[in-house]
Amino acid sequence: MVEAKCVQIQARISKEHHILEIGCGWGSLALEVVKRTGCKYTGITLSEKQLQYAEMKVKEAGLQDRIELLLCDYRQLPKSYKYDRIISCGMIEHVGHEVMQEFFRCCESALAENGLLVLQFIAMAEEKYDEFRRSAGFIREYIFPGGCSPSLSHCGAPRRNRMPLLPHAQTLAGKPPRKPETCCSLYLHCFEVLLHFGIDIFVSSSKILAMGFNEKLIRIWEYYFDYCAAGFKYCILGDYQIVFSRPGDVAAFGNKPYNAVPGDY
């Protein structure tokens, strides 16, 4: 699983770490990361169905002693416990503009002194963000009610978030860009994946109908995949992964040599 490998590299996860995943979904990332590293892993979700399915997969893998899954809101995490790494993939888009800063404050509160926070998210173009968050649209109406993909600056700027965490120049491709506090978009990868999704749902339409779903649902999802693919193609959407740490915290990155190209000073 490419995503798990990228997260492991960016977060520098090792066996002695305790990981918190905010929005663990169906548990696939938890399983892959633990299989790769042997770390201790806690995942939280608000979906009972996701929790039941993920717990079943953890049991099948025999990893109950390493993975704990909870039905829990990130705002209700115990204040006293600190995690070495916090991961959140594709979840911050569902937090909402108004409470984005609260999300970061909760992450900072739950993060150990030398910890790292890794976020992966779909971002809206800067020039489109204010209009996007104030208006209703197809995705909010039919796919993700209440969702809000942040702009890169809104999600990554510590001044706006008002928290003692700073973003580092890390990308999913594992190639740090030249200047700090910037990330590369994987729009091409997302574009290609969405095209495949659109083809798959078209080819499988008869099977979907046989399951009891109607043609309207199929058309909605076909349109959704094409709609998002166009967003990535024309750089209205971007896919980012940002690594955060506390200012001056070099210990979080271990003793491995720095192999990136220095930025311009």
Protein backbone atom coordinates (compact mmCIF):
# COMPACT_ATOMS: atom_id res chain seq x y z
CA MET A 1 0.00 0.00 0.00
CA VAL A 2 1.72 3.16 -1.26
CA GLU A 3 -0.04 5.50 1.17
CA ALA A 4 1.13 3.50 4.20
CA LYS A 5 4.72 3.48 2.95
CA CYS A 6 4.67 7.24 2.36
CA VAL A 7 3.18 7.94 5.78
CA GLN A 8 5.72 5.69 7.45
CA ILE A 9 8.60 7.50 5.71
CA GLN A 10 7.30 11.00 6.34
CA ALA A 11 6.40 10.36 9.97
CA ARG A 12 9.60 8.36 10.61
CA ILE A 13 7.63 5.70 12.44
CA SER A 14 9.54 3.08 14.39
CA LYS A 15 8.60 0.16 16.62
CA GLU A 16 8.76 2.10 19.91
CA HIS A 17 6.31 4.76 18.75
CA HIS A 18 2.64 5.04 19.71
CA ILE A 19 0.63 6.34 16.77
CA LEU A 20 -2.73 8.12 16.83
CA GLU A 21 -4.75 8.16 13.62
CA ILE A 22 -7.59 10.66 13.58
CA GLY A 23 -10.22 9.30 11.22
CA CYS A 24 -9.01 5.71 10.87
CA GLY A 25 -11.76 4.75 8.42
CA TRP A 26 -11.90 1.04 7.60
CA GLY A 27 -8.55 0.35 9.27
CA SER A 28 -6.38 -0.31 6.21
CA LEU A 29 -3.73 2.28 7.08
CA ALA A 30 -3.48 1.03 10.67
CA LEU A 31 -2.95 -2.54 9.52
CA GLU A 32 -0.30 -1.67 6.94
CA VAL A 33 1.69 0.66 9.21
CA VAL A 34 1.73 -1.83 12.09
CA LYS A 35 2.72 -4.69 9.78
CA ARG A 36 5.58 -2.59 8.45
CA THR A 37 6.85 -1.16 11.75
CA GLY A 38 5.47 -3.14 14.70
CA CYS A 39 4.45 0.11 16.41
CA LYS A 40 1.55 0.57 18.81
CA TYR A 41 -1.43 2.13 17.06
CA THR A 42 -4.63 3.84 18.20
CA GLY A 43 -7.26 4.78 15.63
CA ILE A 44 -10.40 6.82 16.24
CA THR A 45 -13.55 7.12 14.14
CA LEU A 46 -17.10 8.40 14.48
CA SER A 47 -18.58 5.58 12.38
CA GLU A 48 -19.83 2.46 14.14
CA LYS A 49 -19.81 0.53 10.85
CA GLN A 50 -16.21 1.48 10.18
CA LEU A 51 -15.25 0.53 13.72
CA GLN A 52 -16.92 -2.89 13.49
CA TYR A 53 -15.32 -3.68 10.14
CA ALA A 54 -11.87 -2.43 11.14
CA GLU A 55 -11.94 -4.40 14.39
CA MET A 56 -12.83 -7.52 12.41
CA LYS A 57 -9.84 -6.99 10.08
CA VAL A 58 -7.51 -6.37 13.03
CA LYS A 59 -8.68 -9.61 14.64
CA GLU A 60 -8.19 -11.51 11.37
CA ALA A 61 -4.63 -10.16 11.20
CA GLY A 62 -3.96 -11.12 14.83
CA LEU A 63 -2.88 -7.60 15.74
CA GLN A 64 -5.22 -6.91 18.67
CA ASP A 65 -2.21 -6.43 20.95
CA ARG A 66 -0.82 -3.63 18.73
CA ILE A 67 -3.93 -1.88 17.38
CA GLU A 68 -6.70 -0.28 19.43
CA LEU A 69 -9.69 1.24 17.65
CA LEU A 70 -12.09 3.60 19.39
CA LEU A 71 -15.42 5.29 18.68
CA CYS A 72 -14.23 8.73 19.72
CA ASP A 73 -14.27 12.39 18.68
CA TYR A 74 -10.79 13.92 18.47
CA ARG A 75 -11.99 16.70 20.78
CA GLN A 76 -12.67 14.12 23.50
CA LEU A 77 -9.19 12.61 23.62
CA PRO A 78 -7.71 12.43 27.16
CA LYS A 79 -5.63 15.54 27.81
CA SER A 80 -3.07 13.63 29.85
CA TYR A 81 -1.94 11.16 27.16
CA LYS A 82 0.59 12.09 24.46
CA TYR A 83 1.26 10.31 21.17
CA ASP A 84 4.62 10.10 19.38
CA ARG A 85 3.02 10.53 15.99
CA ILE A 86 -0.41 11.77 14.90
CA ILE A 87 -1.66 10.89 11.43
CA SER A 88 -4.78 12.12 9.68
CA CYS A 89 -5.44 11.22 6.03
CA GLY A 90 -8.43 12.64 4.20
CA MET A 91 -10.18 13.69 7.39
CA ILE A 92 -9.48 17.40 7.79
CA GLU A 93 -11.69 18.10 4.76
CA HIS A 94 -14.63 17.12 6.97
CA VAL A 95 -13.71 19.32 9.94
CA GLY A 96 -15.05 22.57 8.49
CA HIS A 97 -13.58 26.05 8.13
CA GLU A 98 -14.96 27.40 11.39
CA VAL A 99 -13.33 24.77 13.64
CA MET A 100 -10.08 24.18 11.73
CA GLN A 101 -8.02 25.97 14.37
CA GLU A 102 -9.59 23.87 17.10
CA PHE A 103 -8.55 20.73 15.23
CA PHE A 104 -4.92 21.85 15.21
CA ARG A 105 -5.04 22.82 18.87
CA CYS A 106 -6.33 19.34 19.75
CA CYS A 107 -3.53 17.77 17.71
CA GLU A 108 -0.92 19.93 19.42
CA SER A 109 -2.32 19.02 22.83
CA ALA A 110 -2.17 15.28 22.10
CA LEU A 111 1.31 15.33 20.55
CA ALA A 112 4.40 14.30 22.51
CA GLU A 113 7.22 16.81 22.98
CA ASN A 114 9.30 15.44 20.10
CA GLY A 115 6.30 14.26 18.10
CA LEU A 116 5.29 14.74 14.48
CA LEU A 117 1.89 15.43 12.96
CA VAL A 118 1.32 14.21 9.38
CA LEU A 119 -1.67 15.48 7.43
CA GLN A 120 -2.77 14.31 4.00
CA PHE A 121 -5.62 16.22 2.43
CA ILE A 122 -7.27 17.50 -0.72
CA ALA A 123 -6.87 21.28 -0.95
CA MET A 124 -8.77 23.96 -2.80
CA ALA A 125 -6.85 26.53 -4.86
CA GLU A 126 -6.07 29.68 -2.87
CA GLU A 127 -7.95 32.01 -5.21
CA LYS A 128 -11.06 29.80 -5.08
CA TYR A 129 -11.14 29.01 -1.37
CA ASP A 130 -13.20 31.89 0.06
CA GLU A 131 -15.85 31.53 -2.65
CA PHE A 132 -15.85 27.74 -2.25
CA ARG A 133 -16.35 27.67 1.51
CA ARG A 134 -19.21 30.18 1.41
CA SER A 135 -21.22 28.57 -1.38
CA ALA A 136 -23.16 25.37 -1.86
CA GLY A 137 -21.96 23.05 -4.59
CA PHE A 138 -22.41 19.61 -6.08
CA ILE A 139 -20.07 17.81 -3.66
CA ARG A 140 -21.59 19.43 -0.58
CA GLU A 141 -25.08 18.69 -1.83
CA TYR A 142 -24.66 15.06 -2.92
CA ILE A 143 -21.37 13.61 -1.63
CA PHE A 144 -19.98 15.26 1.52
CA PRO A 145 -22.55 17.49 3.27
CA GLY A 146 -20.75 20.01 5.44
CA GLY A 147 -17.35 19.22 3.94
CA CYS A 148 -14.74 21.89 3.24
CA SER A 149 -11.40 21.21 1.55
CA PRO A 150 -9.00 23.82 2.99
CA SER A 151 -6.57 25.87 0.99
CA LEU A 152 -2.92 25.04 1.50
CA SER A 153 -2.17 28.30 3.30
CA HIS A 154 -5.18 27.96 5.60
CA CYS A 155 -4.14 24.45 6.58
CA GLY A 156 -0.39 24.92 6.66
CA ALA A 157 0.22 28.41 8.01
CA PRO A 158 1.01 28.28 11.74
CA ARG A 159 0.11 31.94 12.19
CA ARG A 160 -3.44 31.30 11.09
CA ASN A 161 -3.67 28.15 13.17
CA ARG A 162 -2.13 29.95 16.18
CA MET A 163 -0.40 26.86 17.47
CA PRO A 164 3.20 25.97 18.30
CA LEU A 165 3.60 23.59 15.35
CA LEU A 166 5.42 24.36 12.13
CA PRO A 167 5.04 22.68 8.72
CA HIS A 168 8.03 21.04 7.06
CA ALA A 169 8.61 20.73 3.34
CA GLN A 170 7.59 17.12 2.79
CA THR A 171 5.62 15.59 -0.07
CA LEU A 172 4.02 12.28 -0.80
CA ALA A 173 6.68 11.62 -3.40
CA GLY A 174 9.30 11.82 -0.65
CA LYS A 175 11.14 14.67 -2.38
CA PRO A 176 11.31 17.85 -0.28
CA PRO A 177 10.81 20.94 -2.45
CA ARG A 178 13.47 23.63 -2.43
CA LYS A 179 11.74 26.17 -0.23
CA PRO A 180 10.33 25.47 3.24
CA GLU A 181 6.61 25.53 3.98
CA THR A 182 5.69 24.48 0.44
CA CYS A 183 4.32 21.19 -0.81
CA CYS A 184 3.97 19.60 -4.21
CA SER A 185 0.58 18.63 -5.50
CA LEU A 186 0.00 15.08 -6.70
CA TYR A 187 -2.79 16.27 -8.97
CA LEU A 188 -1.66 14.05 -11.85
CA HIS A 189 -1.87 10.89 -9.74
CA CYS A 190 -5.31 11.85 -8.43
CA PHE A 191 -6.48 12.70 -11.95
CA GLU A 192 -5.48 9.27 -13.25
CA VAL A 193 -7.01 7.41 -10.30
CA LEU A 194 -10.32 9.24 -10.70
CA LEU A 195 -10.43 8.35 -14.39
CA HIS A 196 -10.03 4.69 -13.45
CA PHE A 197 -12.77 5.03 -10.83
CA GLY A 198 -15.10 6.46 -13.47
CA ILE A 199 -14.37 3.59 -15.85
CA ASP A 200 -14.84 1.01 -13.10
CA ILE A 201 -18.25 2.33 -12.06
CA PHE A 202 -19.36 2.42 -15.71
CA VAL A 203 -18.22 -1.16 -16.34
CA SER A 204 -19.79 -2.34 -13.07
CA SER A 205 -23.09 -0.49 -13.47
CA SER A 206 -25.13 -3.67 -14.05
CA LYS A 207 -23.72 -5.23 -10.87
CA ILE A 208 -24.51 -2.05 -8.92
CA LEU A 209 -28.09 -2.05 -10.18
CA ALA A 210 -28.42 -5.74 -9.24
CA MET A 211 -27.47 -4.80 -5.66
CA GLY A 212 -30.59 -2.63 -5.47
CA PHE A 213 -29.12 0.79 -6.22
CA ASN A 214 -30.65 2.99 -8.92
CA GLU A 215 -29.28 4.73 -12.00
CA LYS A 216 -29.42 8.13 -10.32
CA LEU A 217 -26.80 7.02 -7.80
CA ILE A 218 -24.57 5.72 -10.59
CA ARG A 219 -24.87 9.01 -12.51
CA ILE A 220 -24.09 11.01 -9.36
CA TRP A 221 -20.89 9.09 -8.75
CA GLU A 222 -19.86 9.13 -12.42
CA TYR A 223 -20.27 12.89 -12.37
CA TYR A 224 -18.43 13.16 -9.04
CA PHE A 225 -15.37 11.32 -10.38
CA ASP A 226 -15.29 13.40 -13.59
CA TYR A 227 -15.94 16.60 -11.63
CA CYS A 228 -12.97 15.98 -9.31
CA ALA A 229 -10.73 14.75 -12.13
CA ALA A 230 -11.28 18.07 -13.91
CA GLY A 231 -10.44 19.89 -10.67
CA PHE A 232 -7.07 18.15 -10.45
CA LYS A 233 -6.37 18.50 -14.18
CA TYR A 234 -6.76 22.28 -14.05
CA CYS A 235 -5.07 22.65 -10.64
CA ILE A 236 -8.17 23.82 -8.82
CA LEU A 237 -7.60 20.89 -6.47
CA GLY A 238 -4.32 19.63 -5.04
CA ASP A 239 -3.30 16.60 -2.99
CA TYR A 240 -0.81 17.37 -0.21
CA GLN A 241 0.99 15.77 2.66
CA ILE A 242 2.47 18.08 5.31
CA VAL A 243 4.65 17.15 8.27
CA PHE A 244 4.40 19.36 11.37
CA SER A 245 6.67 19.59 14.40
CA ARG A 246 7.33 22.08 17.15
CA PRO A 247 9.73 24.92 16.26
CA GLY A 248 13.37 23.91 16.63
CA ASP A 249 12.55 20.29 17.36
CA VAL A 250 15.28 18.46 15.47
CA ALA A 251 15.04 15.41 17.75
CA ALA A 252 11.78 14.38 16.09
CA PHE A 253 13.65 13.65 12.87
CA GLY A 254 16.20 11.31 14.44
CA ASN A 255 19.88 11.05 13.57
CA LYS A 256 19.61 10.26 9.88
CA PRO A 257 21.52 12.64 7.57
CA TYR A 258 19.65 15.36 5.72
CA ASN A 259 19.75 14.46 2.02
CA ALA A 260 17.54 17.18 0.58
CA VAL A 261 18.68 20.16 -1.48
CA PRO A 262 19.06 23.28 0.71
CA GLY A 263 16.56 26.03 0.10
CA ASP A 264 17.41 29.54 -1.11
CA TYR A 265 18.50 31.88 1.66
